[in-house]
């Protein structure tokens, strides 16, 4: 599994980012190579600058530990990306 952070945006006083999951596959048919890709949003992340929260698309809140179990390294990457917005 590959995860990525979509470019964050401002929404009022909040910084908003989306954590997406990506999958890539290849197939070969005779002399032709096919590449297939899929990207699905998994978490919406809000930051006020001092706090950060993550919610999945069904509305369930994820804490830092849950995010790190499913997407290793994502929490600190999200913190850095959102703080870099100013």
C-alpha atoms as a PDB file:
ATOM      1  CA  UNK A   1       0.000   0.000   0.000  1.00  0.00           C
ATOM      2  CA  UNK A   2       1.170   3.476  -0.863  1.00  0.00           C
ATOM      3  CA  UNK A   3      -0.259   6.552   0.840  1.00  0.00           C
ATOM      4  CA  UNK A   4      -0.011  10.191  -0.127  1.00  0.00           C
ATOM      5  CA  UNK A   5      -1.077  13.579   1.172  1.00  0.00           C
ATOM      6  CA  UNK A   6      -3.027  15.723  -1.258  1.00  0.00           C
ATOM      7  CA  UNK A   7      -2.045  19.409  -1.310  1.00  0.00           C
ATOM      8  CA  UNK A   8      -3.518  21.013   1.825  1.00  0.00           C
ATOM      9  CA  UNK A   9      -5.851  23.990   1.647  1.00  0.00           C
ATOM     10  CA  UNK A  10      -7.152  26.672   4.009  1.00  0.00           C
ATOM     11  CA  UNK A  11     -10.828  26.507   5.034  1.00  0.00           C
ATOM     12  CA  UNK A  12     -11.471  29.469   7.298  1.00  0.00           C
ATOM     13  CA  UNK A  13      -9.235  29.055  10.350  1.00  0.00           C
ATOM     14  CA  UNK A  14      -8.518  25.401   9.513  1.00  0.00           C
ATOM     15  CA  UNK A  15      -5.830  23.769   7.442  1.00  0.00           C
ATOM     16  CA  UNK A  16      -7.325  20.794   5.630  1.00  0.00           C
ATOM     17  CA  UNK A  17      -5.528  17.843   4.047  1.00  0.00           C
ATOM     18  CA  UNK A  18      -6.630  14.515   2.626  1.00  0.00           C
ATOM     19  CA  UNK A  19      -4.692  11.307   3.120  1.00  0.00           C
ATOM     20  CA  UNK A  20      -5.216   8.986   0.153  1.00  0.00           C
ATOM     21  CA  UNK A  21      -4.326   5.379  -0.483  1.00  0.00           C
ATOM     22  CA  UNK A  22      -2.875   4.390  -3.853  1.00  0.00           C
ATOM     23  CA  UNK A  23      -2.479   1.088  -5.614  1.00  0.00           C
ATOM     24  CA  UNK A  24      -0.540   0.464  -8.784  1.00  0.00           C
ATOM     25  CA  UNK A  25      -0.485  -2.723 -10.844  1.00  0.00           C
ATOM     26  CA  UNK A  26       0.978  -3.789 -14.161  1.00  0.00           C
ATOM     27  CA  UNK A  27      -0.096  -6.417 -16.636  1.00  0.00           C
ATOM     28  CA  UNK A  28       1.493  -7.657 -19.791  1.00  0.00           C
ATOM     29  CA  UNK A  29      -0.479  -8.943 -22.755  1.00  0.00           C
ATOM     30  CA  UNK A  30       1.695 -10.182 -25.586  1.00  0.00           C
ATOM     31  CA  UNK A  31       4.026  -7.267 -26.309  1.00  0.00           C
ATOM     32  CA  UNK A  32       1.942  -4.593 -24.563  1.00  0.00           C
ATOM     33  CA  UNK A  33       2.510  -3.495 -20.959  1.00  0.00           C
ATOM     34  CA  UNK A  34      -0.501  -2.036 -19.106  1.00  0.00           C
ATOM     35  CA  UNK A  35      -0.305   0.115 -15.978  1.00  0.00           C
ATOM     36  CA  UNK A  36      -3.341   0.414 -13.755  1.00  0.00           C
ATOM     37  CA  UNK A  37      -3.660   2.884 -10.903  1.00  0.00           C
ATOM     38  CA  UNK A  38      -6.225   3.688  -8.283  1.00  0.00           C
ATOM     39  CA  UNK A  39      -6.360   6.452  -5.677  1.00  0.00           C
ATOM     40  CA  UNK A  40      -8.930   6.624  -2.891  1.00  0.00           C
ATOM     41  CA  UNK A  41      -9.276   9.217  -0.130  1.00  0.00           C
ATOM     42  CA  UNK A  42      -9.116   7.632   3.329  1.00  0.00           C
ATOM     43  CA  UNK A  43      -8.844  10.419   5.924  1.00  0.00           C
ATOM     44  CA  UNK A  44      -9.718  14.103   6.146  1.00  0.00           C
ATOM     45  CA  UNK A  45      -7.275  15.890   8.429  1.00  0.00           C
ATOM     46  CA  UNK A  46      -7.984  19.242  10.104  1.00  0.00           C
ATOM     47  CA  UNK A  47      -5.438  21.401  11.887  1.00  0.00           C
ATOM     48  CA  UNK A  48      -5.798  24.641  13.817  1.00  0.00           C
ATOM     49  CA  UNK A  49      -2.033  25.050  14.085  1.00  0.00           C
ATOM     50  CA  UNK A  50      -1.883  23.632  17.611  1.00  0.00           C
ATOM     51  CA  UNK A  51      -4.120  20.575  17.287  1.00  0.00           C
ATOM     52  CA  UNK A  52      -4.739  18.060  14.544  1.00  0.00           C
ATOM     53  CA  UNK A  53      -7.565  15.559  14.057  1.00  0.00           C
ATOM     54  CA  UNK A  54      -8.296  12.897  11.467  1.00  0.00           C
ATOM     55  CA  UNK A  55     -11.698  11.618  10.391  1.00  0.00           C
ATOM     56  CA  UNK A  56     -12.500   8.889   7.880  1.00  0.00           C
ATOM     57  CA  UNK A  57     -15.166   9.250   5.211  1.00  0.00           C
ATOM     58  CA  UNK A  58     -17.742   7.529   7.445  1.00  0.00           C
ATOM     59  CA  UNK A  59     -17.219  10.148  10.175  1.00  0.00           C
ATOM     60  CA  UNK A  60     -15.154   8.029  12.576  1.00  0.00           C
ATOM     61  CA  UNK A  61     -12.385   9.892  14.398  1.00  0.00           C
ATOM     62  CA  UNK A  62      -8.905   8.356  14.200  1.00  0.00           C
ATOM     63  CA  UNK A  63      -6.285   9.062  16.847  1.00  0.00           C
ATOM     64  CA  UNK A  64      -2.566   9.298  16.158  1.00  0.00           C
ATOM     65  CA  UNK A  65      -1.929   5.626  16.997  1.00  0.00           C
ATOM     66  CA  UNK A  66      -4.667   4.395  14.643  1.00  0.00           C
ATOM     67  CA  UNK A  67      -3.347   6.541  11.787  1.00  0.00           C
ATOM     68  CA  UNK A  68       0.220   5.316  12.364  1.00  0.00           C
ATOM     69  CA  UNK A  69      -0.846   1.652  12.476  1.00  0.00           C
ATOM     70  CA  UNK A  70      -2.602   1.897   9.113  1.00  0.00           C
ATOM     71  CA  UNK A  71      -0.353   4.509   7.447  1.00  0.00           C
ATOM     72  CA  UNK A  72       3.153   4.334   9.003  1.00  0.00           C
ATOM     73  CA  UNK A  73       4.840   7.746   9.120  1.00  0.00           C
ATOM     74  CA  UNK A  74       1.718   9.624   8.003  1.00  0.00           C
ATOM     75  CA  UNK A  75       0.957  11.547  11.212  1.00  0.00           C
ATOM     76  CA  UNK A  76       4.324  13.305  11.406  1.00  0.00           C
ATOM     77  CA  UNK A  77       4.274  13.918   7.629  1.00  0.00           C
ATOM     78  CA  UNK A  78       0.832  15.496   7.971  1.00  0.00           C
ATOM     79  CA  UNK A  79       1.956  17.646  10.905  1.00  0.00           C
ATOM     80  CA  UNK A  80       4.971  18.913   8.945  1.00  0.00           C
ATOM     81  CA  UNK A  81       2.951  19.566   5.804  1.00  0.00           C
ATOM     82  CA  UNK A  82       0.195  21.452   7.623  1.00  0.00           C
ATOM     83  CA  UNK A  83       2.606  23.490   9.778  1.00  0.00           C
ATOM     84  CA  UNK A  84       4.534  24.495   6.642  1.00  0.00           C
ATOM     85  CA  UNK A  85       1.412  26.345   5.464  1.00  0.00           C
ATOM     86  CA  UNK A  86       2.078  28.998   8.113  1.00  0.00           C
END
